Protein backbone atom coordinates (compact mmCIF):
# COMPACT_ATOMS: atom_id res chain seq x y z
CA MET A 1 -0.23 0.14 0.26
CA TRP A 2 3.08 2.67 0.78
CA GLN A 3 5.32 2.02 -1.67
CA PRO A 4 3.53 4.30 -4.70
CA VAL A 5 2.91 6.75 -1.94
CA PHE A 6 6.44 7.32 -0.65
CA MET A 7 7.58 6.75 -4.50
CA ILE A 8 5.37 9.45 -6.05
CA SER A 9 5.95 11.39 -2.67
CA GLY A 10 9.68 11.40 -3.47
CA TYR A 11 9.69 12.10 -7.33
CA PHE A 12 7.77 15.29 -5.98
CA ILE A 13 10.40 15.75 -3.38
CA GLY A 14 13.24 15.49 -5.78
CA ILE A 15 11.62 18.03 -8.45
CA LEU A 16 11.39 20.49 -4.91
CA GLY A 17 15.24 20.11 -4.39
CA LEU A 18 16.65 20.63 -7.88
CA SER A 19 14.31 23.66 -7.98
CA MET A 20 16.32 25.10 -5.33
CA LEU A 21 19.19 25.77 -6.94
CA PHE A 22 17.94 28.09 -9.31
CA PRO A 23 17.47 30.58 -6.03
CA ALA A 24 21.29 29.65 -4.96
CA ALA A 25 22.14 31.00 -8.46
CA VAL A 26 20.72 34.08 -8.75
CA ASP A 27 22.15 34.59 -5.34
CA MET A 28 25.48 33.71 -6.58
CA TYR A 29 24.84 36.28 -9.71
CA TYR A 30 23.52 38.87 -7.49
CA THR A 31 25.21 39.26 -4.12
CA GLY A 32 26.61 35.98 -3.31
CA GLN A 33 25.50 35.98 0.33
CA ASN A 34 22.54 33.88 0.70
CA TRP A 35 23.11 30.83 -1.89
CA SER A 36 24.33 28.41 0.60
CA PRO A 37 21.32 28.22 2.40
CA PHE A 38 19.12 27.06 -0.73
CA ILE A 39 21.95 24.38 -1.67
CA SER A 40 21.74 23.34 1.97
CA SER A 41 18.39 22.98 1.34
CA ALA A 42 18.23 21.05 -1.91
CA ILE A 43 20.97 18.64 -0.56
CA ILE A 44 18.72 17.50 1.93
CA SER A 45 15.29 17.55 -0.05
CA LEU A 46 17.30 15.52 -2.89
CA PHE A 47 18.72 12.99 -0.26
CA ILE A 48 14.93 12.38 0.95
CA GLY A 49 13.62 12.62 -2.33
CA LEU A 50 15.82 10.18 -3.79
CA SER A 51 15.81 8.02 -1.13
CA LEU A 52 12.03 7.45 -1.23
CA TYR A 53 11.86 6.97 -4.82
CA PHE A 54 14.62 4.35 -5.04
CA GLY A 55 13.70 2.81 -1.68
CA ASN A 56 9.80 1.99 -3.07
CA ARG A 57 9.68 2.30 -6.73
CA THR A 58 7.83 -0.67 -8.05
CA LYS A 59 5.96 0.10 -11.71
CA ILE A 60 1.82 1.31 -10.67
CA ASP A 61 -0.88 0.20 -12.95
CA LYS A 62 -3.38 -0.02 -10.68
CA ILE A 63 -3.94 2.41 -7.53
CA SER A 64 -6.49 1.87 -4.67
CA ILE A 65 -8.78 5.04 -3.62
CA ARG A 66 -7.29 4.77 -0.30
CA GLN A 67 -3.58 5.37 -1.58
CA GLY A 68 -5.22 8.06 -4.16
CA TYR A 69 -5.97 9.83 -0.84
CA LEU A 70 -2.46 9.14 0.68
CA ILE A 71 -0.32 10.29 -2.56
CA THR A 72 -2.16 14.01 -2.49
CA ALA A 73 -2.17 14.77 1.27
CA MET A 74 1.72 13.50 2.24
CA SER A 75 3.02 14.85 -0.91
CA TRP A 76 1.81 18.14 -0.03
CA LEU A 77 2.52 17.99 3.25
CA PHE A 78 6.57 16.67 2.66
CA LEU A 79 6.80 19.53 0.14
CA THR A 80 5.26 22.53 2.75
CA LEU A 81 7.80 21.25 5.13
CA LEU A 82 10.97 21.02 2.87
CA ALA A 83 10.13 24.63 1.29
CA SER A 84 10.14 26.54 4.51
CA LEU A 85 13.88 25.08 4.44
CA PRO A 86 14.98 28.31 2.89
CA PHE A 87 13.00 30.76 4.94
CA MET A 88 14.62 29.48 8.18
CA LEU A 89 17.65 28.70 6.84
CA THR A 90 18.76 32.55 5.59
CA GLY A 91 16.72 33.83 8.42
CA THR A 92 13.73 35.69 6.91
CA ALA A 93 11.54 34.07 8.57
CA ASN A 94 11.04 34.46 12.71
CA GLY A 95 11.09 31.21 13.56
CA PHE A 96 8.98 27.12 12.01
CA ALA A 97 5.91 28.90 12.12
CA ASP A 98 6.53 31.60 10.02
CA ALA A 99 8.73 29.60 7.91
CA LEU A 100 5.49 27.45 7.37
CA PHE A 101 3.39 30.06 6.68
CA GLU A 102 5.57 31.10 3.54
CA ALA A 103 6.31 28.18 2.34
CA THR A 104 2.49 27.19 2.55
CA SER A 105 1.01 29.89 0.73
CA GLY A 106 3.98 29.54 -1.83
CA ILE A 107 3.21 26.24 -2.64
CA THR A 108 -0.85 27.05 -2.52
CA THR A 109 -0.82 29.63 -4.35
CA THR A 110 -2.10 31.92 -1.85
CA GLY A 111 0.41 34.28 -1.86
CA ALA A 112 -0.35 35.91 1.52
CA THR A 113 2.83 36.83 3.95
CA ILE A 114 5.18 37.07 6.38
CA ILE A 115 7.22 39.29 4.82
CA THR A 116 7.49 42.44 6.00
CA ASP A 117 9.70 44.77 3.43
CA LEU A 118 10.29 42.38 0.16
CA ASP A 119 11.62 45.95 -0.87
CA LYS A 120 15.25 44.59 1.60
CA THR A 121 13.86 40.88 0.71
CA PRO A 122 17.10 39.13 -0.88
CA LYS A 123 16.58 38.73 -5.03
CA SER A 124 17.27 34.62 -4.72
CA ILE A 125 14.35 34.49 -1.28
CA LEU A 126 11.88 36.42 -4.21
CA LEU A 127 12.74 33.70 -6.60
CA TRP A 128 12.33 31.31 -4.22
CA ARG A 129 8.50 32.26 -3.49
CA SER A 130 8.12 32.95 -7.10
CA LEU A 131 9.13 29.37 -8.12
CA LEU A 132 6.63 28.08 -5.45
CA ASN A 133 3.99 29.54 -6.37
CA GLY A 134 4.98 28.62 -10.25
CA LEU A 135 5.61 25.19 -8.84
CA GLY A 136 2.36 24.99 -6.91
CA GLY A 137 0.15 26.38 -9.87
CA ILE A 138 0.74 23.33 -12.25
CA GLY A 139 1.34 20.87 -9.63
CA ILE A 140 -2.41 22.30 -8.70
CA VAL A 141 -3.42 21.37 -12.25
CA ILE A 142 -2.08 18.15 -12.91
CA PHE A 143 -3.98 17.12 -9.53
CA ALA A 144 -7.19 18.36 -10.20
CA VAL A 145 -7.32 16.92 -13.74
CA ALA A 146 -5.40 13.41 -12.68
CA LEU A 147 -5.97 12.26 -9.66
CA LEU A 148 -9.59 14.44 -8.22
CA PRO A 149 -12.05 12.66 -10.45
CA PHE A 150 -10.42 9.53 -9.86
CA LEU A 151 -11.05 10.56 -6.32
CA GLY A 152 -14.43 11.64 -6.55
CA ILE A 153 -14.29 15.06 -4.80
CA GLY A 154 -16.03 17.74 -4.90
CA GLY A 155 -18.50 16.61 -7.67
CA MET A 156 -14.43 16.11 -9.96
CA GLN A 157 -15.91 13.12 -11.30
CA ILE A 158 -18.00 14.55 -13.58
CA PHE A 159 -14.93 15.21 -15.29
CA GLN A 160 -13.12 11.67 -15.48
CA ARG A 161 -13.81 10.94 -18.79
CA GLU A 162 -12.72 13.98 -20.02
CA SER A 163 -9.48 13.70 -18.77
CA SER A 164 -8.42 11.02 -20.62
CA ASP A 165 -8.91 7.37 -21.43
CA LEU A 166 -6.44 5.75 -19.12
CA ASN A 167 -8.58 6.08 -16.18
CA GLU A 168 -7.11 2.60 -15.00
CA LYS A 169 -3.64 3.57 -15.02
CA LEU A 170 -2.02 5.99 -12.56
CA MET A 171 1.11 6.73 -13.74
CA PRO A 172 1.29 6.58 -17.46
CA LYS A 173 -2.26 8.69 -16.68
CA ILE A 174 -0.03 11.36 -14.90
CA SER A 175 2.44 11.31 -17.26
CA TYR A 176 0.47 11.59 -20.14
CA ILE A 177 -1.81 14.61 -18.63
CA ALA A 178 1.39 16.56 -17.63
CA LYS A 179 2.95 16.51 -20.80
CA ARG A 180 0.37 18.86 -22.68
CA ILE A 181 -0.67 20.78 -19.40
CA ILE A 182 3.24 21.59 -19.30
CA LEU A 183 2.99 22.93 -22.71
CA VAL A 184 -0.10 25.29 -22.06
CA TYR A 185 1.53 26.71 -18.68
CA ALA A 186 4.95 27.29 -20.32
CA VAL A 187 3.38 28.49 -23.05
CA LEU A 188 1.04 31.57 -21.50
CA LEU A 189 4.07 31.96 -18.75
CA ALA A 190 5.75 32.85 -22.17
CA ILE A 191 3.31 35.06 -23.20
CA THR A 192 2.73 37.01 -19.56
CA PHE A 193 6.16 37.56 -19.41
CA ILE A 194 6.82 39.09 -23.08
CA GLY A 195 4.01 41.43 -22.40
CA LEU A 196 5.85 42.48 -18.98
CA LEU A 197 8.48 42.78 -20.49
CA TRP A 198 6.52 45.27 -23.51
CA ALA A 199 5.26 46.80 -20.68
CA GLY A 200 7.97 48.22 -19.48
CA MET A 201 8.69 45.78 -16.24
CA GLY A 202 12.17 44.87 -15.32
CA LYS A 203 13.73 40.95 -16.18
CA PHE A 204 13.81 40.40 -12.85
CA ASP A 205 10.60 41.51 -11.64
CA ALA A 206 8.94 40.54 -14.70
CA ILE A 207 9.62 36.48 -14.13
CA ASN A 208 8.66 36.74 -10.70
CA HIS A 209 5.19 38.52 -11.75
CA THR A 210 4.50 36.06 -14.64
CA LEU A 211 5.45 32.68 -12.16
CA SER A 212 2.67 34.59 -9.55
CA ALA A 213 0.32 36.03 -12.39
CA VAL A 214 -0.29 32.58 -14.33
CA SER A 215 -0.65 30.53 -11.25
CA THR A 216 -2.54 33.20 -9.40
CA GLY A 217 -0.32 32.86 -6.22
CA GLY A 218 -0.10 36.72 -5.88
CA PHE A 219 3.85 36.99 -4.69
CA SER A 220 4.84 40.22 -5.57
CA THR A 221 7.92 41.82 -5.26
CA LYS A 222 7.66 44.72 -3.74
CA ASN A 223 5.79 46.42 -0.67
CA THR A 224 3.25 47.73 -2.17
CA SER A 225 2.06 44.89 -4.91
CA VAL A 226 1.46 46.00 -8.58
CA GLY A 227 0.65 49.37 -7.76
CA TYR A 228 4.54 50.11 -7.03
CA PHE A 229 4.54 50.12 -10.29
CA ASP A 230 1.36 52.46 -11.50
CA ASN A 231 1.61 51.05 -15.02
CA VAL A 232 -2.08 50.62 -16.85
CA TRP A 233 -0.21 48.15 -19.34
CA VAL A 234 1.37 46.09 -16.49
CA GLU A 235 -1.75 45.62 -14.88
CA ILE A 236 -3.63 44.22 -17.95
CA VAL A 237 -0.81 41.83 -19.15
CA LEU A 238 -1.32 40.77 -15.40
CA MET A 239 -5.07 40.47 -15.67
CA PHE A 240 -4.60 38.33 -19.25
CA GLY A 241 -2.15 36.30 -16.63
CA MET A 242 -4.37 35.98 -13.80
CA ILE A 243 -7.12 34.83 -16.93
CA ALA A 244 -5.36 32.34 -17.93
CA GLY A 245 -4.12 30.84 -15.37
CA SER A 246 -7.88 30.66 -14.41
CA LEU A 247 -9.56 28.68 -17.15
CA PRO A 248 -9.17 24.88 -17.56
CA LEU A 249 -5.67 24.05 -19.11
CA THR A 250 -7.15 21.48 -20.70
CA TRP A 251 -9.56 23.78 -22.46
CA TYR A 252 -6.81 25.09 -24.53
CA LEU A 253 -5.92 21.61 -25.39
CA MET A 254 -9.07 21.25 -26.83
CA LEU A 255 -9.24 24.67 -28.88
CA LEU A 256 -6.10 23.74 -30.44
CA GLN A 257 -7.30 20.51 -31.73
CA PHE A 258 -10.30 22.02 -32.58
CA LYS A 259 -12.45 19.67 -30.73
CA LYS A 260 -15.97 20.64 -30.14
CA GLN A 261 -16.44 22.47 -26.56
CA ASN A 262 -18.98 20.53 -25.33
CA SER A 263 -17.75 19.03 -22.09
CA PHE A 264 -18.54 19.56 -18.61
CA ARG A 265 -14.86 21.31 -17.83
CA SER A 266 -15.32 23.70 -21.09
CA ALA A 267 -19.23 24.52 -19.90
CA GLN A 268 -17.54 26.44 -17.08
CA VAL A 269 -15.50 28.84 -19.29
CA PRO A 270 -18.38 31.58 -20.56
CA PHE A 271 -20.11 31.15 -17.10
CA PHE A 272 -16.79 32.00 -15.41
CA LEU A 273 -16.04 35.10 -17.77
CA LYS A 274 -19.37 36.36 -17.62
CA THR A 275 -19.61 36.25 -14.05
CA LEU A 276 -16.07 38.50 -13.59
CA LEU A 277 -17.32 40.99 -16.46
CA ILE A 278 -20.71 41.63 -14.70
CA TYR A 279 -18.26 41.73 -11.39
CA VAL A 280 -15.85 44.44 -12.72
CA LEU A 281 -18.95 46.26 -14.10
CA PHE A 282 -20.85 45.90 -10.47
CA THR A 283 -17.70 47.33 -8.78
CA THR A 284 -16.47 50.34 -11.04
CA LEU A 285 -20.33 51.32 -10.95
CA TRP A 286 -20.76 51.44 -7.83
CA LEU A 287 -17.12 52.82 -7.70
CA THR A 288 -18.19 55.55 -9.74
CA LEU A 289 -21.06 56.68 -8.24
CA SER A 290 -20.21 56.69 -4.30
CA ASN A 291 -16.56 57.86 -5.06
CA SER A 292 -15.97 61.40 -6.52
CA GLN A 293 -12.43 60.61 -6.35
CA TYR A 294 -12.95 57.66 -9.02
CA PRO A 295 -14.68 58.48 -12.84
CA PHE A 296 -15.48 55.82 -15.03
CA TRP A 297 -12.05 55.47 -16.63
CA LYS A 298 -10.01 55.24 -13.45
CA ALA A 299 -12.84 53.30 -11.67
CA LEU A 300 -12.96 50.89 -14.58
CA ARG A 301 -8.78 50.01 -14.27
CA TYR A 302 -8.74 49.37 -10.31
CA ALA A 303 -12.07 47.82 -10.58
CA ALA A 304 -11.08 45.44 -12.91
CA PHE A 305 -7.22 44.84 -11.77
CA ASN A 306 -8.75 44.04 -8.68
CA VAL A 307 -11.95 42.50 -9.18
CA VAL A 308 -10.28 40.30 -11.58
CA SER A 309 -7.03 39.04 -8.93
CA MET A 310 -9.75 38.59 -5.91
CA THR A 311 -11.53 36.39 -8.20
CA THR A 312 -9.09 34.22 -10.05
CA ASP A 313 -7.54 34.17 -5.92
CA CYS A 314 -4.54 35.66 -7.03
CA GLY A 315 -4.11 38.08 -4.56
CA PHE A 316 -2.27 41.25 -6.63
CA VAL A 317 -3.15 44.31 -5.80
CA SER A 318 -3.07 47.79 -7.73
CA VAL A 319 -4.74 49.81 -4.57
CA ASP A 320 -5.70 49.60 -0.99
CA TYR A 321 -9.34 48.64 -1.67
CA MET A 322 -9.87 48.98 1.96
CA GLN A 323 -9.71 52.87 1.37
CA TRP A 324 -13.31 52.47 -0.59
CA GLY A 325 -15.62 51.41 2.18
CA LEU A 326 -16.73 48.54 4.52
CA PHE A 327 -19.37 48.10 1.32
CA ALA A 328 -15.67 46.91 -0.87
CA GLN A 329 -14.70 44.98 1.83
CA THR A 330 -17.85 42.52 1.72
CA ILE A 331 -17.74 42.08 -1.57
CA PHE A 332 -14.19 41.22 -2.25
CA LEU A 333 -14.83 38.90 0.18
CA ILE A 334 -17.53 37.38 -2.25
CA PHE A 335 -15.09 37.38 -5.01
CA ALA A 336 -12.90 35.28 -3.78
CA LEU A 337 -15.05 33.08 -2.76
CA THR A 338 -16.20 32.44 -5.94
CA GLY A 339 -13.21 31.32 -7.76
CA GLY A 340 -12.22 30.34 -11.41
CA CYS A 341 -12.82 27.34 -13.20
CA SER A 342 -11.80 23.68 -12.23
CA GLY A 343 -9.23 22.20 -13.80
CA SER A 344 -7.22 25.80 -13.37
CA THR A 345 -4.56 27.15 -10.73
CA SER A 346 -7.14 29.28 -9.19
CA GLY A 347 -9.16 28.97 -5.79
CA GLY A 348 -12.29 29.55 -4.28
CA VAL A 349 -15.49 27.45 -4.83
CA LYS A 350 -15.06 26.74 -8.74
CA ALA A 351 -17.33 28.03 -11.39
CA PHE A 352 -18.29 23.85 -12.21
CA ARG A 353 -19.77 23.80 -8.48
CA TRP A 354 -21.70 27.36 -8.68
CA GLN A 355 -23.48 26.20 -12.06
CA VAL A 356 -24.19 22.67 -10.79
CA ILE A 357 -26.02 25.06 -7.07
CA PHE A 358 -28.24 26.93 -8.54
CA ALA A 359 -29.03 24.36 -11.60
CA PHE A 360 -30.29 22.20 -8.80
CA LEU A 361 -31.73 25.72 -6.97
CA LYS A 362 -33.60 26.61 -10.09
CA LYS A 363 -35.02 22.96 -10.49
CA SER A 364 -35.73 23.15 -6.72
CA MET A 365 -37.85 26.38 -7.38
CA ILE A 366 -39.93 24.49 -10.96
CA ASN A 367 -40.74 21.76 -8.21
CA MET A 368 -42.40 23.94 -5.33
CA THR A 369 -45.54 25.20 -8.30
CA GLU A 370 -45.07 21.91 -10.06
CA PRO A 371 -44.71 18.94 -7.37
CA ASN A 372 -45.35 16.69 -10.17
CA ARG A 373 -43.01 18.23 -13.54
CA VAL A 374 -39.30 15.84 -14.29
CA LEU A 375 -36.90 17.65 -15.08
CA PRO A 376 -33.29 16.56 -15.12
CA ILE A 377 -30.39 18.57 -13.61
CA LYS A 378 -28.60 20.29 -16.73
CA ILE A 379 -26.22 22.03 -17.35
CA LYS A 380 -25.63 23.67 -21.14
CA ASP A 381 -27.97 20.47 -21.97
CA MET A 382 -25.83 17.52 -20.22
CA PRO A 383 -27.25 16.11 -17.73
CA VAL A 384 -26.05 15.79 -14.04
CA ASP A 385 -25.91 12.46 -11.85
CA TYR A 386 -27.31 12.81 -8.54
CA ASN A 387 -23.87 11.97 -7.34
CA VAL A 388 -22.07 14.56 -8.85
CA ILE A 389 -24.98 17.00 -7.00
CA ASN A 390 -24.54 14.92 -3.76
CA SER A 391 -20.33 15.01 -3.71
CA VAL A 392 -21.02 19.68 -4.60
CA PHE A 393 -23.33 19.82 -1.57
CA ILE A 394 -20.84 18.08 1.04
CA PHE A 395 -17.53 19.43 -0.41
CA ILE A 396 -19.76 23.03 -0.18
CA LEU A 397 -20.89 21.90 3.31
CA ALA A 398 -17.48 20.65 4.82
CA PHE A 399 -15.94 24.07 3.59
CA GLY A 400 -18.29 26.06 5.05
CA PHE A 401 -17.80 24.57 8.30
CA SER A 402 -14.34 24.41 7.55
CA ILE A 403 -14.22 28.11 7.42
CA LEU A 404 -16.44 28.44 11.09
CA GLY A 405 -14.09 25.99 12.90
CA LEU A 406 -11.45 27.30 11.60
CA THR A 407 -12.59 31.45 12.32
CA VAL A 408 -13.64 30.39 16.00
CA LEU A 409 -10.42 28.61 16.67
CA VAL A 410 -9.00 32.07 15.45
CA ALA A 411 -11.23 34.50 17.17
CA ILE A 412 -10.56 32.39 20.37
CA THR A 413 -7.11 33.94 20.66
CA GLY A 414 -8.37 37.47 20.83
CA VAL A 415 -8.68 39.17 17.12
CA ASP A 416 -11.29 41.09 16.53
CA PHE A 417 -13.97 39.11 14.06
CA THR A 418 -13.15 40.52 10.78
CA THR A 419 -9.75 39.68 10.77
CA ALA A 420 -10.11 36.22 11.97
CA LEU A 421 -13.27 35.56 9.45
CA SER A 422 -11.30 37.09 6.26
CA ALA A 423 -7.95 35.44 7.42
CA ILE A 424 -9.21 31.85 7.05
CA ILE A 425 -11.36 33.17 4.39
CA GLY A 426 -8.90 34.30 2.35
CA CYS A 427 -6.48 31.42 3.03
CA ILE A 428 -8.96 28.93 2.35
CA THR A 429 -9.99 29.95 -1.03
CA ASN A 430 -6.38 30.41 -1.77
CA ALA A 431 -6.52 34.32 -2.41
CA GLY A 432 -4.28 35.67 -0.02
CA PRO A 433 -5.81 38.82 1.40
CA GLY A 434 -8.25 39.48 3.53
CA ILE A 435 -10.09 42.82 4.96
CA GLY A 436 -8.90 45.09 8.05
CA SER A 437 -5.72 46.89 8.55
CA ILE A 438 -3.70 43.72 9.79
CA ILE A 439 -4.23 41.58 6.96
CA GLY A 440 -5.94 43.84 4.44
CA PRO A 441 -4.86 44.44 1.13
CA ALA A 442 -1.81 46.89 2.76
CA GLY A 443 -0.85 44.36 5.65
CA THR A 444 0.64 41.59 6.41
CA TYR A 445 -0.39 38.05 8.26
CA ALA A 446 3.59 38.92 10.29
CA PRO A 447 2.22 40.36 13.85
CA LEU A 448 -0.60 37.65 14.05
CA SER A 449 0.49 34.64 16.85
CA ASP A 450 1.80 31.45 15.86
CA PHE A 451 -1.32 29.92 16.64
CA ILE A 452 -3.30 31.59 13.92
CA LYS A 453 -0.43 30.87 11.80
CA TYR A 454 -1.35 27.44 12.19
CA MET A 455 -4.74 27.83 11.57
CA CYS A 456 -4.17 29.81 7.89
CA VAL A 457 -1.33 26.61 7.14
CA ILE A 458 -4.58 24.23 7.88
CA ALA A 459 -6.95 26.96 5.98
CA MET A 460 -4.74 27.08 3.19
CA LEU A 461 -4.20 23.20 2.71
CA LEU A 462 -7.70 22.61 2.84
CA GLY A 463 -8.79 24.87 0.28
CA ARG A 464 -5.54 23.99 -1.98
CA LEU A 465 -6.61 20.14 -1.79
CA GLU A 466 -10.40 20.45 -2.39
CA VAL A 467 -10.68 19.91 1.94
CA MET A 468 -12.25 16.56 1.60
CA THR A 469 -8.98 15.25 0.90
CA ILE A 470 -7.64 16.22 3.95
CA LEU A 471 -10.50 15.37 6.20
CA VAL A 472 -11.18 11.93 4.75
CA VAL A 473 -7.55 11.05 5.52
CA LEU A 474 -8.23 12.68 9.41
CA THR A 475 -11.35 10.01 9.71
CA ARG A 476 -10.99 6.79 11.78
CA ASN A 477 -12.95 4.37 9.10
CA PHE A 478 -9.92 5.59 6.43
CA TRP A 479 -7.08 3.54 8.61
CA LYS A 480 -9.23 0.93 9.02
CA LYS A 481 -8.41 -2.79 7.25
């Protein structure tokens, strides 16, 4: 049972260890002061990864549901622990809690940070944060497309037939999917990077913001995030990257292959884009009418960028929208909960689940006046199985109760309710910024206690792994033979 789990975990850890060599090389080029912690971290990670891989190497044709859960949970646990090593060894983090928080935020593409002065942070650390965003982004997509449909979490089984026809063989399936997705991911990164260079951003900043935008991770190299550049073209390019990363990466493949766009995965795309447009227009009009300092075009610029950033759960900011008032704080939490598409790098509830919920509500309201009418639940003329609907509602319940439970635990420490709630929502949706003076777009999570940071780490992992993946592993029944 454990061989495939350790083998695949070792493979991922090995990739993480090799990635640590890039920040080391960057540091040697710029200052030569912080390269040794990355080399040490790389050696430790490679040793553990290669030991697990070669010590448990075996041919994997089939995998059980239980092994699928373990592979997912243990891989992400190992990766976050080892990814925190550079933050501790370089002294960037003030203790293990801070290091674990920053690493988890990076690899889950949350974008929340404990670093208070990014402008003075070594370039090697800045690049490491962005690399974690990039690695986490591609890892999330492969996980969502290859493993989640197999596990049937949160209605994801609806995409099982769309992934590939190799559902019985895990390793060939992952390899087959990964090659195609990595190609699309690389193309999106290249387009965004070239666009940022064209817009006037420097190479180092462009690399970091490209990785963070397409992965919808939100880590910036500046204290004031994208607002530092005050460049409308930079914002437009980053919006392209964020939206591109929030669409299913397999959808691009279907476009390139001229396949008929008649699937649940592709049905999310117009729904998500329409929702995003409505959010942007609504916020623009509200900002124009409620604030005389924002004429229409200025309001459109700032509303578009920040709404796209929060709805895609990226977390970049171009302005401190907390200054827009309490209503803005409320709607930005709603934007974060919405999320992007399944099979994308985005977090949140995800577009297809909202489609299922709305379709179910529509049917229920019709049946209230016409109880004898038999109506199938459909999305774009495609019937949705009741097992999928049941799975979606279980996910929503688990998601909601996780927010409630973690918020209560955070609030017990004495922080105000707004900070407690928005911190957990910001982390579990992988959006990053919360609301309020402490963790708002102009703040960081650094002032919070270690206990709160651990709760936020749990929230980030729960949100990134679709909640049920971790909760199932923690049940007693899971460990019964």
